[in-house]
C-alpha cells in the first residue's frame, strides 16, 4: 500500500486494502486530511461515501454493515473509520 501518489500536480489518497496493516495509521491520517480539505467542496454528509471510495478488499467487508443512510449522515465517515480502527 502506498499512502499517496502524485498525478501531475495533484496529490491523492491511495486505496487501503488491509494488506499492510502497519500503514493504517498513516493512511487514516491522510484520509482525515483529505476529508478536511474537501470541507468547502463536499458537505459532511458526503464524506462517508467519499471515504468508501478509498477502501477495497477485506477492508470493504468491514463496513458492509453500514447502510447508505448511516454513511450519508454527518458522522458517516467516522463510522467507517471506527470500523477500521477496531481491526487495524
PDB file of N, CA and C in Angstrom:
ATOM      1  N   UNK A   1       0.838  -1.176   0.000  1.00  0.00           N
ATOM      2  CA  UNK A   1       0.000   0.000   0.000  1.00  0.00           C
ATOM      3  C   UNK A   1       0.878   1.233   0.000  1.00  0.00           C
ATOM      4  N   UNK A   2       0.639   2.148  -0.919  1.00  0.00           N
ATOM      5  CA  UNK A   2       1.298   3.431  -0.949  1.00  0.00           C
ATOM      6  C   UNK A   2       0.292   4.447  -0.444  1.00  0.00           C
ATOM      7  N   UNK A   3       0.718   5.321   0.429  1.00  0.00           N
ATOM      8  CA  UNK A   3      -0.220   6.244   1.041  1.00  0.00           C
ATOM      9  C   UNK A   3      -0.685   7.328   0.083  1.00  0.00           C
ATOM     10  N   UNK A   4       0.238   7.938  -0.655  1.00  0.00           N
ATOM     11  CA  UNK A   4      -0.171   8.972  -1.594  1.00  0.00           C
ATOM     12  C   UNK A   4       0.534   8.763  -2.925  1.00  0.00           C
ATOM     13  N   UNK A   5      -0.070   9.243  -3.980  1.00  0.00           N
ATOM     14  CA  UNK A   5       0.540   9.163  -5.302  1.00  0.00           C
ATOM     15  C   UNK A   5       0.342  10.508  -5.993  1.00  0.00           C
ATOM     16  N   UNK A   6       1.341  10.931  -6.743  1.00  0.00           N
ATOM     17  CA  UNK A   6       1.221  12.200  -7.449  1.00  0.00           C
ATOM     18  C   UNK A   6       0.707  11.952  -8.857  1.00  0.00           C
ATOM     19  N   UNK A   7      -0.278  12.703  -9.212  1.00  0.00           N
ATOM     20  CA  UNK A   7      -0.874  12.683 -10.527  1.00  0.00           C
ATOM     21  C   UNK A   7      -0.706  14.100 -11.048  1.00  0.00           C
ATOM     22  N   UNK A   8       0.305  14.353 -11.828  1.00  0.00           N
ATOM     23  CA  UNK A   8       0.677  15.692 -12.242  1.00  0.00           C
ATOM     24  C   UNK A   8       0.949  16.509 -10.988  1.00  0.00           C
ATOM     25  N   UNK A   9       0.177  17.561 -10.732  1.00  0.00           N
ATOM     26  CA  UNK A   9       0.395  18.388  -9.544  1.00  0.00           C
ATOM     27  C   UNK A   9      -0.525  18.001  -8.392  1.00  0.00           C
ATOM     28  N   UNK A  10      -1.411  17.037  -8.620  1.00  0.00           N
ATOM     29  CA  UNK A  10      -2.362  16.644  -7.588  1.00  0.00           C
ATOM     30  C   UNK A  10      -1.793  15.532  -6.727  1.00  0.00           C
ATOM     31  N   UNK A  11      -2.069  15.610  -5.436  1.00  0.00           N
ATOM     32  CA  UNK A  11      -1.723  14.541  -4.518  1.00  0.00           C
ATOM     33  C   UNK A  11      -3.048  13.911  -4.103  1.00  0.00           C
ATOM     34  N   UNK A  12      -3.145  12.583  -4.242  1.00  0.00           N
ATOM     35  CA  UNK A  12      -4.403  11.933  -3.904  1.00  0.00           C
ATOM     36  C   UNK A  12      -4.155  10.781  -2.954  1.00  0.00           C
ATOM     37  N   UNK A  13      -5.182  10.442  -2.236  1.00  0.00           N
ATOM     38  CA  UNK A  13      -5.123   9.355  -1.277  1.00  0.00           C
ATOM     39  C   UNK A  13      -5.202   8.027  -2.014  1.00  0.00           C
ATOM     40  N   UNK A  14      -4.307   7.115  -1.689  1.00  0.00           N
ATOM     41  CA  UNK A  14      -4.352   5.781  -2.273  1.00  0.00           C
ATOM     42  C   UNK A  14      -5.375   4.939  -1.527  1.00  0.00           C
ATOM     43  N   UNK A  15      -5.810   3.890  -2.147  1.00  0.00           N
ATOM     44  CA  UNK A  15      -6.764   2.986  -1.514  1.00  0.00           C
ATOM     45  C   UNK A  15      -6.074   2.127  -0.468  1.00  0.00           C
ATOM     46  N   UNK A  16      -6.806   1.852   0.607  1.00  0.00           N
ATOM     47  CA  UNK A  16      -6.301   0.983   1.663  1.00  0.00           C
ATOM     48  C   UNK A  16      -7.026  -0.345   1.555  1.00  0.00           C
ATOM     49  N   UNK A  17      -6.252  -1.433   1.450  1.00  0.00           N
ATOM     50  CA  UNK A  17      -6.862  -2.752   1.286  1.00  0.00           C
ATOM     51  C   UNK A  17      -6.571  -3.698   2.447  1.00  0.00           C
ATOM     52  N   UNK A  18      -5.812  -3.229   3.423  1.00  0.00           N
ATOM     53  CA  UNK A  18      -5.531  -4.042   4.594  1.00  0.00           C
ATOM     54  C   UNK A  18      -4.350  -4.978   4.457  1.00  0.00           C
ATOM     55  N   UNK A  19      -3.697  -5.012   3.297  1.00  0.00           N
ATOM     56  CA  UNK A  19      -2.574  -5.930   3.118  1.00  0.00           C
ATOM     57  C   UNK A  19      -1.340  -5.484   3.900  1.00  0.00           C
ATOM     58  N   UNK A  20      -1.268  -4.217   4.230  1.00  0.00           N
ATOM     59  CA  UNK A  20      -0.178  -3.694   5.048  1.00  0.00           C
ATOM     60  C   UNK A  20      -0.774  -2.997   6.273  1.00  0.00           C
ATOM     61  N   UNK A  21      -1.196  -3.774   7.271  1.00  0.00           N
ATOM     62  CA  UNK A  21      -1.852  -3.199   8.443  1.00  0.00           C
ATOM     63  C   UNK A  21      -1.025  -2.131   9.160  1.00  0.00           C
ATOM     64  N   UNK A  22       0.289  -2.247   9.110  1.00  0.00           N
ATOM     65  CA  UNK A  22       1.151  -1.272   9.781  1.00  0.00           C
ATOM     66  C   UNK A  22       1.006   0.127   9.179  1.00  0.00           C
ATOM     67  N   UNK A  23       0.560   0.223   7.954  1.00  0.00           N
ATOM     68  CA  UNK A  23       0.393   1.513   7.301  1.00  0.00           C
ATOM     69  C   UNK A  23      -0.949   2.163   7.557  1.00  0.00           C
ATOM     70  N   UNK A  24      -1.789   1.505   8.347  1.00  0.00           N
ATOM     71  CA  UNK A  24      -3.145   2.028   8.565  1.00  0.00           C
ATOM     72  C   UNK A  24      -3.152   3.405   9.222  1.00  0.00           C
ATOM     73  N   UNK A  25      -2.383   3.601  10.279  1.00  0.00           N
ATOM     74  CA  UNK A  25      -2.412   4.894  10.983  1.00  0.00           C
ATOM     75  C   UNK A  25      -2.023   6.043  10.061  1.00  0.00           C
ATOM     76  N   UNK A  26      -1.020   5.798   9.241  1.00  0.00           N
ATOM     77  CA  UNK A  26      -0.588   6.832   8.296  1.00  0.00           C
ATOM     78  C   UNK A  26      -1.680   7.088   7.251  1.00  0.00           C
ATOM     79  N   UNK A  27      -2.279   6.014   6.736  1.00  0.00           N
ATOM     80  CA  UNK A  27      -3.359   6.150   5.764  1.00  0.00           C
ATOM     81  C   UNK A  27      -4.536   6.895   6.381  1.00  0.00           C
ATOM     82  N   UNK A  28      -4.883   6.552   7.626  1.00  0.00           N
ATOM     83  CA  UNK A  28      -6.025   7.173   8.313  1.00  0.00           C
ATOM     84  C   UNK A  28      -5.808   8.680   8.431  1.00  0.00           C
ATOM     85  N   UNK A  29      -4.612   9.069   8.818  1.00  0.00           N
ATOM     86  CA  UNK A  29      -4.311  10.499   8.955  1.00  0.00           C
ATOM     87  C   UNK A  29      -4.450  11.208   7.607  1.00  0.00           C
ATOM     88  N   UNK A  30      -3.921  10.602   6.562  1.00  0.00           N
ATOM     89  CA  UNK A  30      -4.038  11.188   5.223  1.00  0.00           C
ATOM     90  C   UNK A  30      -5.502  11.266   4.794  1.00  0.00           C
ATOM     91  N   UNK A  31      -6.279  10.247   5.150  1.00  0.00           N
ATOM     92  CA  UNK A  31      -7.702  10.233   4.804  1.00  0.00           C
ATOM     93  C   UNK A  31      -8.439  11.381   5.500  1.00  0.00           C
ATOM     94  N   UNK A  32      -8.147  11.576   6.778  1.00  0.00           N
ATOM     95  CA  UNK A  32      -8.795  12.668   7.504  1.00  0.00           C
ATOM     96  C   UNK A  32      -8.393  14.028   6.944  1.00  0.00           C
ATOM     97  N   UNK A  33      -7.130  14.181   6.591  1.00  0.00           N
ATOM     98  CA  UNK A  33      -6.676  15.437   5.998  1.00  0.00           C
ATOM     99  C   UNK A  33      -7.360  15.691   4.652  1.00  0.00           C
ATOM    100  N   UNK A  34      -7.506  14.629   3.867  1.00  0.00           N
ATOM    101  CA  UNK A  34      -8.190  14.760   2.588  1.00  0.00           C
ATOM    102  C   UNK A  34      -9.627  15.226   2.799  1.00  0.00           C
ATOM    103  N   UNK A  35     -10.312  14.606   3.755  1.00  0.00           N
ATOM    104  CA  UNK A  35     -11.699  14.975   4.024  1.00  0.00           C
ATOM    105  C   UNK A  35     -11.813  16.417   4.504  1.00  0.00           C
ATOM    106  N   UNK A  36     -10.912  16.835   5.364  1.00  0.00           N
ATOM    107  CA  UNK A  36     -10.935  18.221   5.840  1.00  0.00           C
ATOM    108  C   UNK A  36     -10.700  19.202   4.699  1.00  0.00           C
ATOM    109  N   UNK A  37      -9.871  18.819   3.751  1.00  0.00           N
ATOM    110  CA  UNK A  37      -9.622  19.682   2.590  1.00  0.00           C
ATOM    111  C   UNK A  37     -10.857  19.787   1.705  1.00  0.00           C
ATOM    112  N   UNK A  38     -11.743  18.808   1.796  1.00  0.00           N
ATOM    113  CA  UNK A  38     -12.968  18.806   0.988  1.00  0.00           C
ATOM    114  C   UNK A  38     -14.100  19.596   1.624  1.00  0.00           C
ATOM    115  N   UNK A  39     -13.870  20.138   2.794  1.00  0.00           N
ATOM    116  CA  UNK A  39     -14.916  20.823   3.543  1.00  0.00           C
ATOM    117  C   UNK A  39     -15.623  21.891   2.724  1.00  0.00           C
ATOM    118  N   UNK A  40     -14.906  22.575   1.865  1.00  0.00           N
ATOM    119  CA  UNK A  40     -15.526  23.627   1.061  1.00  0.00           C
ATOM    120  C   UNK A  40     -16.172  23.076  -0.212  1.00  0.00           C
ATOM    121  N   UNK A  41     -15.883  21.814  -0.548  1.00  0.00           N
ATOM    122  CA  UNK A  41     -16.401  21.216  -1.775  1.00  0.00           C
ATOM    123  C   UNK A  41     -17.584  20.293  -1.488  1.00  0.00           C
ATOM    124  N   UNK A  42     -17.443  19.463  -0.462  1.00  0.00           N
ATOM    125  CA  UNK A  42     -18.458  18.478  -0.115  1.00  0.00           C
ATOM    126  C   UNK A  42     -19.012  18.750   1.269  1.00  0.00           C
ATOM    127  N   UNK A  43     -20.319  18.575   1.418  1.00  0.00           N
ATOM    128  CA  UNK A  43     -20.915  18.631   2.749  1.00  0.00           C
ATOM    129  C   UNK A  43     -20.469  17.392   3.511  1.00  0.00           C
ATOM    130  N   UNK A  44     -20.464  17.472   4.821  1.00  0.00           N
ATOM    131  CA  UNK A  44     -20.032  16.338   5.641  1.00  0.00           C
ATOM    132  C   UNK A  44     -20.889  15.094   5.400  1.00  0.00           C
ATOM    133  N   UNK A  45     -22.105  15.269   4.941  1.00  0.00           N
ATOM    134  CA  UNK A  45     -22.972  14.121   4.669  1.00  0.00           C
ATOM    135  C   UNK A  45     -22.459  13.279   3.509  1.00  0.00           C
ATOM    136  N   UNK A  46     -21.530  13.810   2.740  1.00  0.00           N
ATOM    137  CA  UNK A  46     -20.965  13.071   1.604  1.00  0.00           C
ATOM    138  C   UNK A  46     -19.596  12.481   1.902  1.00  0.00           C
ATOM    139  N   UNK A  47     -19.049  12.770   3.092  1.00  0.00           N
ATOM    140  CA  UNK A  47     -17.720  12.292   3.434  1.00  0.00           C
ATOM    141  C   UNK A  47     -17.665  10.779   3.592  1.00  0.00           C
ATOM    142  N   UNK A  48     -18.706  10.172   4.153  1.00  0.00           N
ATOM    143  CA  UNK A  48     -18.720   8.714   4.341  1.00  0.00           C
ATOM    144  C   UNK A  48     -18.600   7.982   3.016  1.00  0.00           C
ATOM    145  N   UNK A  49     -19.504   8.290   2.059  1.00  0.00           N
ATOM    146  CA  UNK A  49     -19.385   7.648   0.752  1.00  0.00           C
ATOM    147  C   UNK A  49     -18.068   7.963   0.041  1.00  0.00           C
ATOM    148  N   UNK A  50     -17.580   9.181   0.190  1.00  0.00           N
ATOM    149  CA  UNK A  50     -16.306   9.561  -0.435  1.00  0.00           C
ATOM    150  C   UNK A  50     -15.168   8.712   0.134  1.00  0.00           C
ATOM    151  N   UNK A  51     -15.149   8.535   1.449  1.00  0.00           N
ATOM    152  CA  UNK A  51     -14.108   7.743   2.090  1.00  0.00           C
ATOM    153  C   UNK A  51     -14.169   6.282   1.632  1.00  0.00           C
ATOM    154  N   UNK A  52     -15.363   5.780   1.415  1.00  0.00           N
ATOM    155  CA  UNK A  52     -15.524   4.384   0.975  1.00  0.00           C
ATOM    156  C   UNK A  52     -14.911   4.135  -0.400  1.00  0.00           C
ATOM    157  N   UNK A  53     -14.718   5.184  -1.178  1.00  0.00           N
ATOM    158  CA  UNK A  53     -14.073   5.035  -2.477  1.00  0.00           C
ATOM    159  C   UNK A  53     -12.595   4.686  -2.338  1.00  0.00           C
ATOM    160  N   UNK A  54     -12.032   4.883  -1.151  1.00  0.00           N
ATOM    161  CA  UNK A  54     -10.612   4.667  -0.932  1.00  0.00           C
ATOM    162  C   UNK A  54     -10.296   3.415  -0.126  1.00  0.00           C
ATOM    163  N   UNK A  55     -11.264   2.536  -0.005  1.00  0.00           N
ATOM    164  CA  UNK A  55     -11.028   1.250   0.650  1.00  0.00           C
ATOM    165  C   UNK A  55     -11.457   0.142  -0.291  1.00  0.00           C
ATOM    166  N   UNK A  56     -10.816  -1.011  -0.168  1.00  0.00           N
ATOM    167  CA  UNK A  56     -11.181  -2.141  -1.001  1.00  0.00           C
ATOM    168  C   UNK A  56     -10.788  -3.440  -0.325  1.00  0.00           C
ATOM    169  N   UNK A  57     -11.191  -4.536  -0.926  1.00  0.00           N
ATOM    170  CA  UNK A  57     -10.856  -5.855  -0.413  1.00  0.00           C
ATOM    171  C   UNK A  57     -11.490  -6.140   0.931  1.00  0.00           C
ATOM    172  N   UNK A  58     -10.696  -6.731   1.818  1.00  0.00           N
ATOM    173  CA  UNK A  58     -11.219  -7.110   3.131  1.00  0.00           C
ATOM    174  C   UNK A  58     -11.656  -5.892   3.943  1.00  0.00           C
ATOM    175  N   UNK A  59     -11.102  -4.743   3.649  1.00  0.00           N
ATOM    176  CA  UNK A  59     -11.472  -3.522   4.361  1.00  0.00           C
ATOM    177  C   UNK A  59     -12.909  -3.127   4.002  1.00  0.00           C
ATOM    178  N   UNK A  60     -13.284  -3.295   2.747  1.00  0.00           N
ATOM    179  CA  UNK A  60     -14.660  -3.021   2.329  1.00  0.00           C
ATOM    180  C   UNK A  60     -15.642  -3.873   3.116  1.00  0.00           C
ATOM    181  N   UNK A  61     -15.265  -5.110   3.347  1.00  0.00           N
ATOM    182  CA  UNK A  61     -16.134  -6.032   4.074  1.00  0.00           C
ATOM    183  C   UNK A  61     -16.381  -5.564   5.504  1.00  0.00           C
ATOM    184  N   UNK A  62     -15.438  -4.830   6.070  1.00  0.00           N
ATOM    185  CA  UNK A  62     -15.589  -4.337   7.437  1.00  0.00           C
ATOM    186  C   UNK A  62     -16.679  -3.281   7.571  1.00  0.00           C
ATOM    187  N   UNK A  63     -17.025  -2.623   6.477  1.00  0.00           N
ATOM    188  CA  UNK A  63     -18.037  -1.562   6.538  1.00  0.00           C
ATOM    189  C   UNK A  63     -19.311  -1.909   5.779  1.00  0.00           C
ATOM    190  N   UNK A  64     -19.418  -3.139   5.327  1.00  0.00           N
ATOM    191  CA  UNK A  64     -20.610  -3.550   4.579  1.00  0.00           C
ATOM    192  C   UNK A  64     -21.894  -3.398   5.377  1.00  0.00           C
ATOM    193  N   UNK A  65     -21.794  -3.495   6.694  1.00  0.00           N
ATOM    194  CA  UNK A  65     -22.984  -3.406   7.541  1.00  0.00           C
ATOM    195  C   UNK A  65     -23.546  -1.984   7.599  1.00  0.00           C
ATOM    196  N   UNK A  66     -22.753  -0.994   7.211  1.00  0.00           N
ATOM    197  CA  UNK A  66     -23.211   0.389   7.246  1.00  0.00           C
ATOM    198  C   UNK A  66     -24.162   0.654   6.081  1.00  0.00           C
ATOM    199  N   UNK A  67     -25.374   1.036   6.406  1.00  0.00           N
ATOM    200  CA  UNK A  67     -26.357   1.342   5.364  1.00  0.00           C
ATOM    201  C   UNK A  67     -26.028   2.681   4.721  1.00  0.00           C
ATOM    202  N   UNK A  68     -26.607   2.934   3.569  1.00  0.00           N
ATOM    203  CA  UNK A  68     -26.404   4.220   2.899  1.00  0.00           C
ATOM    204  C   UNK A  68     -26.892   5.355   3.789  1.00  0.00           C
ATOM    205  N   UNK A  69     -27.959   5.106   4.513  1.00  0.00           N
ATOM    206  CA  UNK A  69     -28.491   6.121   5.428  1.00  0.00           C
ATOM    207  C   UNK A  69     -27.452   6.497   6.484  1.00  0.00           C
ATOM    208  N   UNK A  70     -26.763   5.494   7.045  1.00  0.00           N
ATOM    209  CA  UNK A  70     -25.741   5.756   8.056  1.00  0.00           C
ATOM    210  C   UNK A  70     -24.516   6.434   7.437  1.00  0.00           C
ATOM    211  N   UNK A  71     -24.127   5.992   6.248  1.00  0.00           N
ATOM    212  CA  UNK A  71     -22.963   6.578   5.577  1.00  0.00           C
ATOM    213  C   UNK A  71     -23.184   8.043   5.219  1.00  0.00           C
ATOM    214  N   UNK A  72     -24.415   8.391   4.906  1.00  0.00           N
ATOM    215  CA  UNK A  72     -24.715   9.735   4.418  1.00  0.00           C
ATOM    216  C   UNK A  72     -25.107  10.711   5.529  1.00  0.00           C
ATOM    217  N   UNK A  73     -24.816  10.366   6.761  1.00  0.00           N
ATOM    218  CA  UNK A  73     -25.012  11.301   7.864  1.00  0.00           C
ATOM    219  C   UNK A  73     -23.713  12.064   8.078  1.00  0.00           C
ATOM    220  N   UNK A  74     -23.784  13.137   8.857  1.00  0.00           N
ATOM    221  CA  UNK A  74     -22.582  13.937   9.094  1.00  0.00           C
ATOM    222  C   UNK A  74     -21.462  13.145   9.743  1.00  0.00           C
ATOM    223  N   UNK A  75     -21.807  12.117  10.506  1.00  0.00           N
ATOM    224  CA  UNK A  75     -20.775  11.302  11.156  1.00  0.00           C
ATOM    225  C   UNK A  75     -20.523   9.989  10.420  1.00  0.00           C
ATOM    226  N   UNK A  76     -20.986   9.891   9.183  1.00  0.00           N
ATOM    227  CA  UNK A  76     -20.822   8.665   8.403  1.00  0.00           C
ATOM    228  C   UNK A  76     -19.370   8.272   8.219  1.00  0.00           C
ATOM    229  N   UNK A  77     -18.529   9.250   7.938  1.00  0.00           N
ATOM    230  CA  UNK A  77     -17.098   8.960   7.767  1.00  0.00           C
ATOM    231  C   UNK A  77     -16.486   8.440   9.063  1.00  0.00           C
ATOM    232  N   UNK A  78     -16.971   8.936  10.196  1.00  0.00           N
ATOM    233  CA  UNK A  78     -16.472   8.474  11.482  1.00  0.00           C
ATOM    234  C   UNK A  78     -16.846   7.017  11.722  1.00  0.00           C
ATOM    235  N   UNK A  79     -18.025   6.622  11.272  1.00  0.00           N
ATOM    236  CA  UNK A  79     -18.458   5.223  11.405  1.00  0.00           C
ATOM    237  C   UNK A  79     -17.523   4.313  10.607  1.00  0.00           C
ATOM    238  N   UNK A  80     -17.136   4.761   9.430  1.00  0.00           N
ATOM    239  CA  UNK A  80     -16.202   3.995   8.601  1.00  0.00           C
ATOM    240  C   UNK A  80     -14.860   3.863   9.323  1.00  0.00           C
ATOM    241  N   UNK A  81     -14.336   4.975   9.815  1.00  0.00           N
ATOM    242  CA  UNK A  81     -13.046   4.949  10.496  1.00  0.00           C
ATOM    243  C   UNK A  81     -13.103   4.120  11.785  1.00  0.00           C
ATOM    244  N   UNK A  82     -14.212   4.179  12.502  1.00  0.00           N
ATOM    245  CA  UNK A  82     -14.366   3.382  13.724  1.00  0.00           C
ATOM    246  C   UNK A  82     -14.301   1.892  13.406  1.00  0.00           C
ATOM    247  N   UNK A  83     -14.949   1.487  12.318  1.00  0.00           N
ATOM    248  CA  UNK A  83     -14.926   0.071  11.924  1.00  0.00           C
ATOM    249  C   UNK A  83     -13.507  -0.374  11.586  1.00  0.00           C
ATOM    250  N   UNK A  84     -12.766   0.497  10.906  1.00  0.00           N
ATOM    251  CA  UNK A  84     -11.381   0.161  10.569  1.00  0.00           C
ATOM    252  C   UNK A  84     -10.471   0.181  11.782  1.00  0.00           C
ATOM    253  N   UNK A  85     -10.730   1.119  12.695  1.00  0.00           N
ATOM    254  CA  UNK A  85      -9.930   1.212  13.922  1.00  0.00           C
ATOM    255  C   UNK A  85     -10.005  -0.068  14.746  1.00  0.00           C
ATOM    256  N   UNK A  86     -11.175  -0.697  14.738  1.00  0.00           N
ATOM    257  CA  UNK A  86     -11.345  -1.932  15.509  1.00  0.00           C
ATOM    258  C   UNK A  86     -10.433  -3.041  15.001  1.00  0.00           C
ATOM    259  N   UNK A  87     -10.186  -3.067  13.703  1.00  0.00           N
ATOM    260  CA  UNK A  87      -9.364  -4.120  13.107  1.00  0.00           C
ATOM    261  C   UNK A  87      -7.878  -3.734  13.053  1.00  0.00           C
ATOM    262  N   UNK A  88      -7.613  -2.476  12.724  1.00  0.00           N
ATOM    263  CA  UNK A  88      -6.224  -2.071  12.490  1.00  0.00           C
ATOM    264  C   UNK A  88      -5.718  -1.147  13.577  1.00  0.00           C
TER     265      UNK A  88
END
